[in-house]
Amino acid sequence: MADDELEAIRRQRMAELQAKHGDASNNQQEEAKQREQDMRNSILAQVLDQSARVQMSNLALVKPEKAKAVENYLIQMARLGQLGSKISESGLIEILEKVNQQTEKKTTVKFNRRRVMDSNKDKQY
């Protein structure tokens, strides 16, 4: 019976350690995501003026995927040194249009009309 109790205690301890290790890795992942978000926000604060930041926050509320694409574009431009000064609201709108053109999928509909022999049209009455 002592072996059974010892085995039960070992299993319980192993489960506790696994749960604790899982929580630690989740915390590390959350901290890494938070650091990345803080870095993105600091870069955007340096690149955008106040009115443009307001527009970005509004865009993020309505279309988060487009806001993320614009943020990525701005961060890339900032890292490459292509931005001379802070971007205004009108500059942000131009960048948004560029991103829309890049991500916009053009759909075309092609009608392939075939002539169908209609038996009623061929008959003479």
C-alpha atoms as a PDB file:
ATOM      1  CA  MET A   1       0.000   0.000   0.000  1.00  0.00           C
ATOM      2  CA  ALA A   2       2.886   2.339   0.619  1.00  0.00           C
ATOM      3  CA  ASP A   3       3.952   1.939  -3.030  1.00  0.00           C
ATOM      4  CA  ASP A   4       0.461   2.871  -4.249  1.00  0.00           C
ATOM      5  CA  GLU A   5       0.359   5.954  -2.042  1.00  0.00           C
ATOM      6  CA  LEU A   6       3.854   6.943  -3.118  1.00  0.00           C
ATOM      7  CA  GLU A   7       2.903   6.531  -6.785  1.00  0.00           C
ATOM      8  CA  ALA A   8      -0.221   8.656  -6.284  1.00  0.00           C
ATOM      9  CA  ILE A   9       1.842  11.393  -4.637  1.00  0.00           C
ATOM     10  CA  ARG A  10       4.348  11.277  -7.518  1.00  0.00           C
ATOM     11  CA  ARG A  11       1.567  11.581 -10.113  1.00  0.00           C
ATOM     12  CA  GLN A  12       0.026  14.505  -8.232  1.00  0.00           C
ATOM     13  CA  ARG A  13       3.374  16.267  -7.936  1.00  0.00           C
ATOM     14  CA  MET A  14       4.119  15.662 -11.635  1.00  0.00           C
ATOM     15  CA  ALA A  15       0.738  17.152 -12.577  1.00  0.00           C
ATOM     16  CA  GLU A  16       1.433  20.211 -10.412  1.00  0.00           C
ATOM     17  CA  LEU A  17       4.838  20.721 -12.009  1.00  0.00           C
ATOM     18  CA  GLN A  18       3.429  20.374 -15.524  1.00  0.00           C
ATOM     19  CA  ALA A  19       0.667  22.869 -14.748  1.00  0.00           C
ATOM     20  CA  LYS A  20       3.185  25.298 -13.272  1.00  0.00           C
ATOM     21  CA  HIS A  21       5.509  24.943 -16.270  1.00  0.00           C
ATOM     22  CA  GLY A  22       2.589  25.520 -18.676  1.00  0.00           C
ATOM     23  CA  ASP A  23       1.629  28.711 -16.837  1.00  0.00           C
ATOM     24  CA  ALA A  24       5.218  29.955 -16.970  1.00  0.00           C
ATOM     25  CA  SER A  25       5.442  29.492 -20.731  1.00  0.00           C
ATOM     26  CA  ASN A  26       2.080  31.241 -21.212  1.00  0.00           C
ATOM     27  CA  ASN A  27       3.300  34.168 -19.108  1.00  0.00           C
ATOM     28  CA  GLN A  28       6.473  34.406 -21.186  1.00  0.00           C
ATOM     29  CA  GLN A  29       4.465  34.418 -24.397  1.00  0.00           C
ATOM     30  CA  GLU A  30       2.137  37.113 -23.060  1.00  0.00           C
ATOM     31  CA  GLU A  31       5.096  39.221 -21.947  1.00  0.00           C
ATOM     32  CA  ALA A  32       6.725  38.872 -25.372  1.00  0.00           C
ATOM     33  CA  LYS A  33       3.490  39.935 -27.082  1.00  0.00           C
ATOM     34  CA  GLN A  34       3.178  42.895 -24.727  1.00  0.00           C
ATOM     35  CA  ARG A  35       6.778  43.993 -25.396  1.00  0.00           C
ATOM     36  CA  GLU A  36       6.185  43.739 -29.144  1.00  0.00           C
ATOM     37  CA  GLN A  37       2.980  45.780 -28.884  1.00  0.00           C
ATOM     38  CA  ASP A  38       4.737  48.415 -26.773  1.00  0.00           C
ATOM     39  CA  MET A  39       7.530  48.642 -29.346  1.00  0.00           C
ATOM     40  CA  ARG A  40       4.991  49.040 -32.174  1.00  0.00           C
ATOM     41  CA  ASN A  41       3.148  51.754 -30.252  1.00  0.00           C
ATOM     42  CA  SER A  42       6.353  53.682 -29.536  1.00  0.00           C
ATOM     43  CA  ILE A  43       7.387  53.577 -33.206  1.00  0.00           C
ATOM     44  CA  LEU A  44       3.937  54.721 -34.315  1.00  0.00           C
ATOM     45  CA  ALA A  45       3.980  57.516 -31.725  1.00  0.00           C
ATOM     46  CA  GLN A  46       7.252  58.769 -33.213  1.00  0.00           C
ATOM     47  CA  VAL A  47       6.015  58.497 -36.804  1.00  0.00           C
ATOM     48  CA  LEU A  48       2.431  59.808 -36.621  1.00  0.00           C
ATOM     49  CA  ASP A  49       1.161  63.150 -35.453  1.00  0.00           C
ATOM     50  CA  GLN A  50      -1.830  63.406 -33.112  1.00  0.00           C
ATOM     51  CA  SER A  51      -4.579  63.603 -35.757  1.00  0.00           C
ATOM     52  CA  ALA A  52      -3.118  60.663 -37.661  1.00  0.00           C
ATOM     53  CA  ARG A  53      -2.979  58.593 -34.461  1.00  0.00           C
ATOM     54  CA  VAL A  54      -6.664  59.331 -33.879  1.00  0.00           C
ATOM     55  CA  GLN A  55      -7.447  58.166 -37.413  1.00  0.00           C
ATOM     56  CA  MET A  56      -5.409  54.990 -36.872  1.00  0.00           C
ATOM     57  CA  SER A  57      -7.282  54.196 -33.672  1.00  0.00           C
ATOM     58  CA  ASN A  58     -10.615  54.741 -35.442  1.00  0.00           C
ATOM     59  CA  LEU A  59      -9.491  52.506 -38.287  1.00  0.00           C
ATOM     60  CA  ALA A  60      -8.397  49.838 -35.814  1.00  0.00           C
ATOM     61  CA  LEU A  61     -11.874  49.826 -34.300  1.00  0.00           C
ATOM     62  CA  VAL A  62     -13.635  49.466 -37.639  1.00  0.00           C
ATOM     63  CA  LYS A  63     -11.189  47.356 -39.664  1.00  0.00           C
ATOM     64  CA  PRO A  64      -8.451  45.870 -37.506  1.00  0.00           C
ATOM     65  CA  GLU A  65      -6.834  43.927 -40.368  1.00  0.00           C
ATOM     66  CA  LYS A  66      -6.410  47.079 -42.456  1.00  0.00           C
ATOM     67  CA  ALA A  67      -5.075  48.989 -39.466  1.00  0.00           C
ATOM     68  CA  LYS A  68      -2.529  46.222 -38.871  1.00  0.00           C
ATOM     69  CA  ALA A  69      -1.465  46.355 -42.532  1.00  0.00           C
ATOM     70  CA  VAL A  70      -1.016  50.148 -42.374  1.00  0.00           C
ATOM     71  CA  GLU A  71       0.913  49.858 -39.100  1.00  0.00           C
ATOM     72  CA  ASN A  72       3.209  47.241 -40.622  1.00  0.00           C
ATOM     73  CA  TYR A  73       3.771  49.485 -43.658  1.00  0.00           C
ATOM     74  CA  LEU A  74       4.577  52.490 -41.464  1.00  0.00           C
ATOM     75  CA  ILE A  75       6.924  50.520 -39.218  1.00  0.00           C
ATOM     76  CA  GLN A  76       8.732  49.116 -42.233  1.00  0.00           C
ATOM     77  CA  MET A  77       9.141  52.600 -43.721  1.00  0.00           C
ATOM     78  CA  ALA A  78      10.406  53.923 -40.376  1.00  0.00           C
ATOM     79  CA  ARG A  79      12.943  51.118 -40.016  1.00  0.00           C
ATOM     80  CA  LEU A  80      14.229  51.715 -43.536  1.00  0.00           C
ATOM     81  CA  GLY A  81      14.510  55.451 -42.870  1.00  0.00           C
ATOM     82  CA  GLN A  82      12.067  56.451 -45.602  1.00  0.00           C
ATOM     83  CA  LEU A  83      10.090  58.828 -43.394  1.00  0.00           C
ATOM     84  CA  GLY A  84      11.416  62.351 -43.145  1.00  0.00           C
ATOM     85  CA  SER A  85       8.974  63.788 -40.662  1.00  0.00           C
ATOM     86  CA  LYS A  86       5.803  62.917 -38.810  1.00  0.00           C
ATOM     87  CA  ILE A  87       2.941  61.793 -40.994  1.00  0.00           C
ATOM     88  CA  SER A  88      -0.192  63.922 -40.921  1.00  0.00           C
ATOM     89  CA  GLU A  89      -3.766  62.805 -41.342  1.00  0.00           C
ATOM     90  CA  SER A  90      -3.699  63.444 -45.096  1.00  0.00           C
ATOM     91  CA  GLY A  91      -0.449  61.496 -45.423  1.00  0.00           C
ATOM     92  CA  LEU A  92      -2.022  58.618 -43.534  1.00  0.00           C
ATOM     93  CA  ILE A  93      -4.960  58.627 -45.929  1.00  0.00           C
ATOM     94  CA  GLU A  94      -2.564  58.395 -48.887  1.00  0.00           C
ATOM     95  CA  ILE A  95      -0.767  55.486 -47.252  1.00  0.00           C
ATOM     96  CA  LEU A  96      -4.094  53.798 -46.565  1.00  0.00           C
ATOM     97  CA  GLU A  97      -4.996  54.129 -50.234  1.00  0.00           C
ATOM     98  CA  LYS A  98      -1.666  52.559 -51.224  1.00  0.00           C
ATOM     99  CA  VAL A  99      -2.218  49.668 -48.839  1.00  0.00           C
ATOM    100  CA  ASN A 100      -5.771  49.242 -50.146  1.00  0.00           C
ATOM    101  CA  GLN A 101      -4.472  49.027 -53.699  1.00  0.00           C
ATOM    102  CA  GLN A 102      -1.885  46.440 -52.711  1.00  0.00           C
ATOM    103  CA  THR A 103      -4.271  44.260 -50.744  1.00  0.00           C
ATOM    104  CA  GLU A 104      -7.341  44.780 -52.889  1.00  0.00           C
ATOM    105  CA  LYS A 105      -8.255  41.718 -54.864  1.00  0.00           C
ATOM    106  CA  LYS A 106      -9.603  42.485 -58.270  1.00  0.00           C
ATOM    107  CA  THR A 107     -12.356  40.165 -59.235  1.00  0.00           C
ATOM    108  CA  THR A 108     -13.439  39.777 -62.785  1.00  0.00           C
ATOM    109  CA  VAL A 109     -16.502  38.031 -64.014  1.00  0.00           C
ATOM    110  CA  LYS A 110     -16.355  36.548 -67.444  1.00  0.00           C
ATOM    111  CA  PHE A 111     -19.533  35.382 -69.083  1.00  0.00           C
ATOM    112  CA  ASN A 112     -19.026  32.557 -71.476  1.00  0.00           C
ATOM    113  CA  ARG A 113     -22.219  32.518 -73.446  1.00  0.00           C
ATOM    114  CA  ARG A 114     -22.853  29.580 -75.620  1.00  0.00           C
ATOM    115  CA  ARG A 115     -25.410  29.348 -78.278  1.00  0.00           C
ATOM    116  CA  VAL A 116     -27.915  26.748 -77.272  1.00  0.00           C
ATOM    117  CA  MET A 117     -30.039  25.128 -79.879  1.00  0.00           C
ATOM    118  CA  ASP A 118     -33.587  25.618 -78.868  1.00  0.00           C
ATOM    119  CA  SER A 119     -35.837  23.085 -80.500  1.00  0.00           C
ATOM    120  CA  ASN A 120     -38.822  25.420 -80.444  1.00  0.00           C
ATOM    121  CA  LYS A 121     -37.066  28.157 -82.421  1.00  0.00           C
ATOM    122  CA  ASP A 122     -36.010  25.833 -85.209  1.00  0.00           C
ATOM    123  CA  LYS A 123     -39.520  24.566 -85.915  1.00  0.00           C
ATOM    124  CA  GLN A 124     -41.727  26.324 -88.390  1.00  0.00           C
ATOM    125  CA  TYR A 125     -45.380  26.651 -87.588  1.00  0.00           C
END
